[in-house]
Amino acid sequence: MSALSSAFRRVWRRIDKFLSVEVNPDPIVLNSFKHQNDIDKWRVFTDATFGGTSQATLQLGDDGKSAVFSGHYSKILQDGSSLVRSGYCGINQVRRRNVNLALHDYLEFRVRGDGHTYIASVRLDQYTGGDEEAWQAPIRTSSNGQWEDVRINFDDFIFTFRGRLVKRTDAYSTMPRHNVMAVGITLSASDDMPPEGDFRLELQHVVAGAYQLSGLEAQRKAFRGMYFFAEGVPPRGDQGGQQGN
């Protein structure tokens, strides 16, 4: 009888976990820019660290509601430089606590751009844990001077190592995203861009969102949530708050 009771309890715990999975989680504001302190949490980097001449800054916007990532990129290699290619500038922010986005479906960047295509990067607290591994996707901007919301599905991010695509395998087919530790944006001058030039990207916020599901799709997502629980991933309540920079 005790064995039967134990089996019943195990089944009930799994049913309880299934019923408790929130398949339509609330949006999480990962980053917003309202104070200088919000800017100071980010790191600016360029190819100048390795002998390039690109320059970049990140400043609080005049409206006090956005960040301005701007500067000058240069693909021109200096004599004696060890760089294979240059012309990149970027910003990133490593969070104090990882955030669990296992049941969220996309990142949304509210930006006002200059027509350049930037690269969104997400780093996870896994694999080697180094900053050379990232999941990346393009942020295409317009130059019409208007704010726009650029939404990138997590399934559209690709796994890269040192900026290069890693061959897709089962291990790297989809971003796990239950332990997101950093989000960043990079301008990497492409071959069709001039040898050098200015850039400017205004960023108001970065939000993780989820599509509203019901019926069979909701059930599938709930089962996926059960998988993450089974793997020992913290439940939704340990996501670091609704705005945990």
C-alpha atoms as a PDB file:
ATOM      1  CA  MET A   1       0.000   0.000   0.000  1.00  0.00           C
ATOM      2  CA  SER A   2       2.862   2.373   0.777  1.00  0.00           C
ATOM      3  CA  ALA A   3       4.362   1.765  -2.693  1.00  0.00           C
ATOM      4  CA  LEU A   4       1.013   2.610  -4.288  1.00  0.00           C
ATOM      5  CA  SER A   5       0.718   5.760  -2.190  1.00  0.00           C
ATOM      6  CA  SER A   6       4.215   6.794  -3.158  1.00  0.00           C
ATOM      7  CA  ALA A   7       3.467   6.286  -6.848  1.00  0.00           C
ATOM      8  CA  PHE A   8       0.243   8.259  -6.501  1.00  0.00           C
ATOM      9  CA  ARG A   9       2.093  11.143  -4.860  1.00  0.00           C
ATOM     10  CA  ARG A  10       4.674  11.197  -7.650  1.00  0.00           C
ATOM     11  CA  VAL A  11       1.948  11.316 -10.296  1.00  0.00           C
ATOM     12  CA  TRP A  12       0.101  14.047  -8.419  1.00  0.00           C
ATOM     13  CA  ARG A  13       3.291  16.153  -8.115  1.00  0.00           C
ATOM     14  CA  ARG A  14       3.800  15.964 -11.867  1.00  0.00           C
ATOM     15  CA  ILE A  15       0.174  16.932 -12.502  1.00  0.00           C
ATOM     16  CA  ASP A  16       0.544  19.806 -10.048  1.00  0.00           C
ATOM     17  CA  LYS A  17       3.665  21.011 -11.844  1.00  0.00           C
ATOM     18  CA  PHE A  18       1.864  20.835 -15.177  1.00  0.00           C
ATOM     19  CA  LEU A  19      -1.087  22.828 -13.879  1.00  0.00           C
ATOM     20  CA  SER A  20       1.196  25.429 -12.275  1.00  0.00           C
ATOM     21  CA  VAL A  21       3.196  26.207 -15.428  1.00  0.00           C
ATOM     22  CA  GLU A  22       2.413  29.747 -16.585  1.00  0.00           C
ATOM     23  CA  VAL A  23       2.187  29.431 -20.360  1.00  0.00           C
ATOM     24  CA  ASN A  24       1.376  33.123 -20.840  1.00  0.00           C
ATOM     25  CA  PRO A  25       3.927  34.847 -18.579  1.00  0.00           C
ATOM     26  CA  ASP A  26       3.956  38.612 -18.165  1.00  0.00           C
ATOM     27  CA  PRO A  27       6.524  40.649 -20.121  1.00  0.00           C
ATOM     28  CA  ILE A  28       9.815  41.270 -18.342  1.00  0.00           C
ATOM     29  CA  VAL A  29      11.620  44.582 -18.817  1.00  0.00           C
ATOM     30  CA  LEU A  30      15.229  43.465 -18.992  1.00  0.00           C
ATOM     31  CA  ASN A  31      16.652  46.936 -19.528  1.00  0.00           C
ATOM     32  CA  SER A  32      15.423  50.509 -19.501  1.00  0.00           C
ATOM     33  CA  PHE A  33      17.343  53.780 -19.442  1.00  0.00           C
ATOM     34  CA  LYS A  34      16.018  56.468 -17.158  1.00  0.00           C
ATOM     35  CA  HIS A  35      19.044  57.296 -15.017  1.00  0.00           C
ATOM     36  CA  GLN A  36      22.803  57.514 -15.416  1.00  0.00           C
ATOM     37  CA  ASN A  37      23.036  54.478 -13.181  1.00  0.00           C
ATOM     38  CA  ASP A  38      21.257  52.466 -15.886  1.00  0.00           C
ATOM     39  CA  ILE A  39      23.964  53.505 -18.359  1.00  0.00           C
ATOM     40  CA  ASP A  40      26.817  52.734 -15.988  1.00  0.00           C
ATOM     41  CA  LYS A  41      25.762  49.063 -15.831  1.00  0.00           C
ATOM     42  CA  TRP A  42      26.747  48.612 -19.470  1.00  0.00           C
ATOM     43  CA  ARG A  43      30.198  48.082 -20.967  1.00  0.00           C
ATOM     44  CA  VAL A  44      31.319  49.680 -24.230  1.00  0.00           C
ATOM     45  CA  PHE A  45      33.856  47.857 -26.397  1.00  0.00           C
ATOM     46  CA  THR A  46      35.425  48.378 -29.841  1.00  0.00           C
ATOM     47  CA  ASP A  47      38.145  46.942 -32.027  1.00  0.00           C
ATOM     48  CA  ALA A  48      40.479  49.580 -30.555  1.00  0.00           C
ATOM     49  CA  THR A  49      41.272  47.043 -27.822  1.00  0.00           C
ATOM     50  CA  PHE A  50      43.093  44.992 -30.472  1.00  0.00           C
ATOM     51  CA  GLY A  51      44.645  47.789 -32.479  1.00  0.00           C
ATOM     52  CA  GLY A  52      41.660  49.098 -34.447  1.00  0.00           C
ATOM     53  CA  THR A  53      40.528  52.715 -34.592  1.00  0.00           C
ATOM     54  CA  SER A  54      36.755  52.471 -34.104  1.00  0.00           C
ATOM     55  CA  GLN A  55      35.285  54.560 -31.292  1.00  0.00           C
ATOM     56  CA  ALA A  56      31.977  54.381 -29.419  1.00  0.00           C
ATOM     57  CA  THR A  57      30.136  55.810 -26.425  1.00  0.00           C
ATOM     58  CA  LEU A  58      26.941  55.054 -24.541  1.00  0.00           C
ATOM     59  CA  GLN A  59      25.182  58.051 -22.999  1.00  0.00           C
ATOM     60  CA  LEU A  60      21.840  58.910 -21.475  1.00  0.00           C
ATOM     61  CA  GLY A  61      19.592  60.543 -24.050  1.00  0.00           C
ATOM     62  CA  ASP A  62      18.475  64.152 -23.755  1.00  0.00           C
ATOM     63  CA  ASP A  63      14.928  62.937 -23.129  1.00  0.00           C
ATOM     64  CA  GLY A  64      16.059  61.038 -20.014  1.00  0.00           C
ATOM     65  CA  LYS A  65      14.214  57.968 -21.279  1.00  0.00           C
ATOM     66  CA  SER A  66      16.708  56.325 -23.614  1.00  0.00           C
ATOM     67  CA  ALA A  67      20.340  55.449 -24.179  1.00  0.00           C
ATOM     68  CA  VAL A  68      22.359  56.689 -27.165  1.00  0.00           C
ATOM     69  CA  PHE A  69      24.916  54.265 -28.576  1.00  0.00           C
ATOM     70  CA  SER A  70      26.992  56.203 -31.101  1.00  0.00           C
ATOM     71  CA  GLY A  71      30.442  56.602 -32.538  1.00  0.00           C
ATOM     72  CA  HIS A  72      32.614  56.045 -35.576  1.00  0.00           C
ATOM     73  CA  TYR A  73      33.501  52.682 -37.062  1.00  0.00           C
ATOM     74  CA  SER A  74      36.543  52.039 -39.228  1.00  0.00           C
ATOM     75  CA  LYS A  75      37.354  48.932 -41.269  1.00  0.00           C
ATOM     76  CA  ILE A  76      40.792  50.306 -42.136  1.00  0.00           C
ATOM     77  CA  LEU A  77      43.548  48.133 -40.703  1.00  0.00           C
ATOM     78  CA  GLN A  78      46.597  49.874 -39.322  1.00  0.00           C
ATOM     79  CA  ASP A  79      50.124  48.804 -40.265  1.00  0.00           C
ATOM     80  CA  GLY A  80      51.307  46.138 -37.877  1.00  0.00           C
ATOM     81  CA  SER A  81      47.811  45.398 -36.551  1.00  0.00           C
ATOM     82  CA  SER A  82      47.079  41.809 -35.562  1.00  0.00           C
ATOM     83  CA  LEU A  83      43.436  42.183 -36.560  1.00  0.00           C
ATOM     84  CA  VAL A  84      42.083  40.149 -39.458  1.00  0.00           C
ATOM     85  CA  ARG A  85      39.183  42.577 -39.826  1.00  0.00           C
ATOM     86  CA  SER A  86      37.972  45.609 -37.905  1.00  0.00           C
ATOM     87  CA  GLY A  87      35.004  47.937 -37.870  1.00  0.00           C
ATOM     88  CA  TYR A  88      33.039  46.800 -34.864  1.00  0.00           C
ATOM     89  CA  CYS A  89      31.664  48.530 -31.768  1.00  0.00           C
ATOM     90  CA  GLY A  90      29.370  47.134 -29.123  1.00  0.00           C
ATOM     91  CA  ILE A  91      27.699  47.384 -25.738  1.00  0.00           C
ATOM     92  CA  ASN A  92      26.654  44.710 -23.288  1.00  0.00           C
ATOM     93  CA  GLN A  93      25.455  44.307 -19.741  1.00  0.00           C
ATOM     94  CA  VAL A  94      26.109  41.301 -17.524  1.00  0.00           C
ATOM     95  CA  ARG A  95      23.266  40.887 -15.062  1.00  0.00           C
ATOM     96  CA  ARG A  96      23.789  40.490 -11.328  1.00  0.00           C
ATOM     97  CA  ARG A  97      21.403  37.519 -11.431  1.00  0.00           C
ATOM     98  CA  ASN A  98      20.575  35.246 -14.327  1.00  0.00           C
ATOM     99  CA  VAL A  99      17.034  35.538 -15.608  1.00  0.00           C
ATOM    100  CA  ASN A 100      14.826  32.596 -16.564  1.00  0.00           C
ATOM    101  CA  LEU A 101      13.135  33.232 -19.922  1.00  0.00           C
ATOM    102  CA  ALA A 102      12.301  29.585 -20.638  1.00  0.00           C
ATOM    103  CA  LEU A 103       8.610  30.336 -21.283  1.00  0.00           C
ATOM    104  CA  HIS A 104       9.119  33.628 -23.108  1.00  0.00           C
ATOM    105  CA  ASP A 105       9.158  33.665 -26.886  1.00  0.00           C
ATOM    106  CA  TYR A 106      10.943  36.805 -28.039  1.00  0.00           C
ATOM    107  CA  LEU A 107      13.003  39.881 -27.241  1.00  0.00           C
ATOM    108  CA  GLU A 108      11.702  43.280 -28.280  1.00  0.00           C
ATOM    109  CA  PHE A 109      14.065  46.230 -28.739  1.00  0.00           C
ATOM    110  CA  ARG A 110      12.541  49.710 -28.894  1.00  0.00           C
ATOM    111  CA  VAL A 111      15.013  51.634 -31.022  1.00  0.00           C
ATOM    112  CA  ARG A 112      15.483  54.671 -33.218  1.00  0.00           C
ATOM    113  CA  GLY A 113      18.164  53.827 -35.706  1.00  0.00           C
ATOM    114  CA  ASP A 114      20.194  55.089 -38.613  1.00  0.00           C
ATOM    115  CA  GLY A 115      19.490  52.451 -41.252  1.00  0.00           C
ATOM    116  CA  HIS A 116      22.351  50.186 -40.195  1.00  0.00           C
ATOM    117  CA  THR A 117      21.819  46.556 -39.230  1.00  0.00           C
ATOM    118  CA  TYR A 118      23.008  45.853 -35.697  1.00  0.00           C
ATOM    119  CA  ILE A 119      23.461  42.501 -33.981  1.00  0.00           C
ATOM    120  CA  ALA A 120      21.596  41.480 -30.830  1.00  0.00           C
ATOM    121  CA  SER A 121      23.555  39.109 -28.594  1.00  0.00           C
ATOM    122  CA  VAL A 122      22.393  36.918 -25.712  1.00  0.00           C
ATOM    123  CA  ARG A 123      24.854  35.115 -23.452  1.00  0.00           C
ATOM    124  CA  LEU A 124      23.936  32.160 -21.268  1.00  0.00           C
ATOM    125  CA  ASP A 125      25.500  30.947 -18.044  1.00  0.00           C
ATOM    126  CA  GLN A 126      26.497  27.570 -19.449  1.00  0.00           C
ATOM    127  CA  TYR A 127      28.942  25.791 -21.765  1.00  0.00           C
ATOM    128  CA  THR A 128      32.332  27.386 -21.074  1.00  0.00           C
ATOM    129  CA  GLY A 129      30.641  30.471 -19.615  1.00  0.00           C
ATOM    130  CA  GLY A 130      33.003  32.738 -21.570  1.00  0.00           C
ATOM    131  CA  ASP A 131      32.088  35.901 -23.423  1.00  0.00           C
ATOM    132  CA  GLU A 132      33.166  34.336 -26.736  1.00  0.00           C
ATOM    133  CA  GLU A 133      29.947  32.285 -26.894  1.00  0.00           C
ATOM    134  CA  ALA A 134      26.725  34.078 -27.793  1.00  0.00           C
ATOM    135  CA  TRP A 135      23.377  33.626 -29.480  1.00  0.00           C
ATOM    136  CA  GLN A 136      22.960  36.326 -32.125  1.00  0.00           C
ATOM    137  CA  ALA A 137      20.324  37.780 -34.456  1.00  0.00           C
ATOM    138  CA  PRO A 138      20.082  40.930 -36.598  1.00  0.00           C
ATOM    139  CA  ILE A 139      18.405  44.165 -35.516  1.00  0.00           C
ATOM    140  CA  ARG A 140      17.451  45.911 -38.752  1.00  0.00           C
ATOM    141  CA  THR A 141      16.759  49.619 -38.323  1.00  0.00           C
ATOM    142  CA  SER A 142      15.296  52.307 -40.544  1.00  0.00           C
ATOM    143  CA  SER A 143      16.596  55.838 -40.995  1.00  0.00           C
ATOM    144  CA  ASN A 144      13.248  57.647 -40.921  1.00  0.00           C
ATOM    145  CA  GLY A 145      13.842  59.109 -37.452  1.00  0.00           C
ATOM    146  CA  GLN A 146      10.908  57.249 -35.917  1.00  0.00           C
ATOM    147  CA  TRP A 147      10.896  54.911 -32.939  1.00  0.00           C
ATOM    148  CA  GLU A 148      10.239  51.280 -33.837  1.00  0.00           C
ATOM    149  CA  ASP A 149       9.830  48.010 -31.964  1.00  0.00           C
ATOM    150  CA  VAL A 150      12.094  45.311 -33.372  1.00  0.00           C
ATOM    151  CA  ARG A 151      10.885  41.889 -32.251  1.00  0.00           C
ATOM    152  CA  ILE A 152      13.213  38.888 -32.508  1.00  0.00           C
ATOM    153  CA  ASN A 153      11.920  35.410 -31.777  1.00  0.00           C
ATOM    154  CA  PHE A 154      14.276  33.346 -29.645  1.00  0.00           C
ATOM    155  CA  ASP A 155      14.116  30.609 -32.282  1.00  0.00           C
ATOM    156  CA  ASP A 156      15.737  33.031 -34.750  1.00  0.00           C
ATOM    157  CA  PHE A 157      18.912  33.434 -32.680  1.00  0.00           C
ATOM    158  CA  ILE A 158      21.896  31.399 -33.880  1.00  0.00           C
ATOM    159  CA  PHE A 159      24.765  30.107 -31.755  1.00  0.00           C
ATOM    160  CA  THR A 160      28.162  31.694 -32.442  1.00  0.00           C
ATOM    161  CA  PHE A 161      31.689  31.347 -31.120  1.00  0.00           C
ATOM    162  CA  ARG A 162      33.965  34.381 -31.469  1.00  0.00           C
ATOM    163  CA  GLY A 163      31.391  35.879 -33.804  1.00  0.00           C
ATOM    164  CA  ARG A 164      31.320  32.891 -36.142  1.00  0.00           C
ATOM    165  CA  LEU A 165      28.413  30.545 -36.741  1.00  0.00           C
ATOM    166  CA  VAL A 166      28.674  27.180 -35.016  1.00  0.00           C
ATOM    167  CA  LYS A 167      27.419  24.263 -37.098  1.00  0.00           C
ATOM    168  CA  ARG A 168      23.862  23.517 -36.024  1.00  0.00           C
ATOM    169  CA  THR A 169      23.534  20.365 -33.951  1.00  0.00           C
ATOM    170  CA  ASP A 170      20.954  19.031 -31.520  1.00  0.00           C
ATOM    171  CA  ALA A 171      22.917  20.659 -28.684  1.00  0.00           C
ATOM    172  CA  TYR A 172      22.790  24.088 -30.336  1.00  0.00           C
ATOM    173  CA  SER A 173      19.502  23.950 -32.259  1.00  0.00           C
ATOM    174  CA  THR A 174      17.485  26.223 -29.940  1.00  0.00           C
ATOM    175  CA  MET A 175      18.577  28.675 -27.287  1.00  0.00           C
ATOM    176  CA  PRO A 176      17.927  27.097 -23.824  1.00  0.00           C
ATOM    177  CA  ARG A 177      17.314  30.593 -22.320  1.00  0.00           C
ATOM    178  CA  HIS A 178      16.586  29.488 -18.744  1.00  0.00           C
ATOM    179  CA  ASN A 179      19.794  31.147 -17.534  1.00  0.00           C
ATOM    180  CA  VAL A 180      20.264  34.384 -19.497  1.00  0.00           C
ATOM    181  CA  MET A 181      23.177  36.322 -18.042  1.00  0.00           C
ATOM    182  CA  ALA A 182      23.790  39.121 -20.563  1.00  0.00           C
ATOM    183  CA  VAL A 183      22.248  41.020 -23.465  1.00  0.00           C
ATOM    184  CA  GLY A 184      24.227  43.154 -25.888  1.00  0.00           C
ATOM    185  CA  ILE A 185      24.147  45.057 -29.175  1.00  0.00           C
ATOM    186  CA  THR A 186      26.971  45.290 -31.712  1.00  0.00           C
ATOM    187  CA  LEU A 187      27.612  47.152 -34.937  1.00  0.00           C
ATOM    188  CA  SER A 188      29.852  45.015 -37.135  1.00  0.00           C
ATOM    189  CA  ALA A 189      30.592  46.763 -40.413  1.00  0.00           C
ATOM    190  CA  SER A 190      29.661  44.504 -43.317  1.00  0.00           C
ATOM    191  CA  ASP A 191      31.465  44.267 -46.644  1.00  0.00           C
ATOM    192  CA  ASP A 192      28.909  46.497 -48.376  1.00  0.00           C
ATOM    193  CA  MET A 193      29.398  49.361 -45.898  1.00  0.00           C
ATOM    194  CA  PRO A 194      31.874  52.182 -46.551  1.00  0.00           C
ATOM    195  CA  PRO A 195      35.408  51.773 -45.120  1.00  0.00           C
ATOM    196  CA  GLU A 196      34.435  54.046 -42.230  1.00  0.00           C
ATOM    197  CA  GLY A 197      31.502  56.093 -41.023  1.00  0.00           C
ATOM    198  CA  ASP A 198      29.392  57.324 -38.142  1.00  0.00           C
ATOM    199  CA  PHE A 199      26.582  55.421 -36.448  1.00  0.00           C
ATOM    200  CA  ARG A 200      23.884  56.237 -33.924  1.00  0.00           C
ATOM    201  CA  LEU A 201      21.342  53.949 -32.274  1.00  0.00           C
ATOM    202  CA  GLU A 202      18.922  55.120 -29.595  1.00  0.00           C
ATOM    203  CA  LEU A 203      17.611  52.396 -27.303  1.00  0.00           C
ATOM    204  CA  GLN A 204      14.631  52.883 -25.008  1.00  0.00           C
ATOM    205  CA  HIS A 205      14.198  49.403 -23.571  1.00  0.00           C
ATOM    206  CA  VAL A 206      14.669  45.662 -24.031  1.00  0.00           C
ATOM    207  CA  VAL A 207      11.641  43.519 -23.145  1.00  0.00           C
ATOM    208  CA  ALA A 208      11.177  39.742 -23.066  1.00  0.00           C
ATOM    209  CA  GLY A 209       7.672  38.814 -24.156  1.00  0.00           C
ATOM    210  CA  ALA A 210       5.468  35.794 -24.813  1.00  0.00           C
ATOM    211  CA  TYR A 211       2.762  35.080 -27.360  1.00  0.00           C
ATOM    212  CA  GLN A 212      -0.656  34.481 -25.832  1.00  0.00           C
ATOM    213  CA  LEU A 213      -1.552  30.836 -26.356  1.00  0.00           C
ATOM    214  CA  SER A 214      -4.532  28.627 -25.650  1.00  0.00           C
ATOM    215  CA  GLY A 215      -5.707  25.111 -26.357  1.00  0.00           C
ATOM    216  CA  LEU A 216      -3.246  22.599 -27.789  1.00  0.00           C
ATOM    217  CA  GLU A 217      -0.450  25.138 -28.226  1.00  0.00           C
ATOM    218  CA  ALA A 218      -0.734  26.134 -24.572  1.00  0.00           C
ATOM    219  CA  GLN A 219      -0.599  22.479 -23.529  1.00  0.00           C
ATOM    220  CA  ARG A 220       2.555  21.912 -25.578  1.00  0.00           C
ATOM    221  CA  LYS A 221       4.184  24.898 -23.966  1.00  0.00           C
ATOM    222  CA  ALA A 222       3.149  23.676 -20.513  1.00  0.00           C
ATOM    223  CA  PHE A 223       4.812  20.316 -21.189  1.00  0.00           C
ATOM    224  CA  ARG A 224       7.936  22.191 -22.242  1.00  0.00           C
ATOM    225  CA  GLY A 225       7.782  23.989 -18.921  1.00  0.00           C
ATOM    226  CA  MET A 226       7.592  20.643 -17.147  1.00  0.00           C
ATOM    227  CA  TYR A 227      10.771  19.595 -18.972  1.00  0.00           C
ATOM    228  CA  PHE A 228      12.621  22.618 -17.642  1.00  0.00           C
ATOM    229  CA  PHE A 229      11.424  21.873 -14.110  1.00  0.00           C
ATOM    230  CA  ALA A 230      12.601  18.287 -14.482  1.00  0.00           C
ATOM    231  CA  GLU A 231      16.025  19.545 -15.509  1.00  0.00           C
ATOM    232  CA  GLY A 232      16.287  21.491 -12.270  1.00  0.00           C
ATOM    233  CA  VAL A 233      15.693  24.917 -13.769  1.00  0.00           C
ATOM    234  CA  PRO A 234      14.260  27.443 -11.278  1.00  0.00           C
ATOM    235  CA  PRO A 235      10.522  28.073 -11.708  1.00  0.00           C
ATOM    236  CA  ARG A 236       9.076  31.297 -12.956  1.00  0.00           C
ATOM    237  CA  GLY A 237       9.111  32.886  -9.498  1.00  0.00           C
ATOM    238  CA  ASP A 238      12.932  32.982  -9.532  1.00  0.00           C
ATOM    239  CA  GLN A 239      13.352  35.142 -12.585  1.00  0.00           C
ATOM    240  CA  GLY A 240      14.970  38.044 -10.813  1.00  0.00           C
ATOM    241  CA  GLY A 241      11.919  40.299 -10.752  1.00  0.00           C
ATOM    242  CA  GLN A 242      10.096  42.123 -13.475  1.00  0.00           C
ATOM    243  CA  GLN A 243      12.966  44.557 -14.020  1.00  0.00           C
ATOM    244  CA  GLY A 244      16.139  43.142 -12.577  1.00  0.00           C
ATOM    245  CA  ASN A 245      19.045  44.917 -14.294  1.00  0.00           C
END
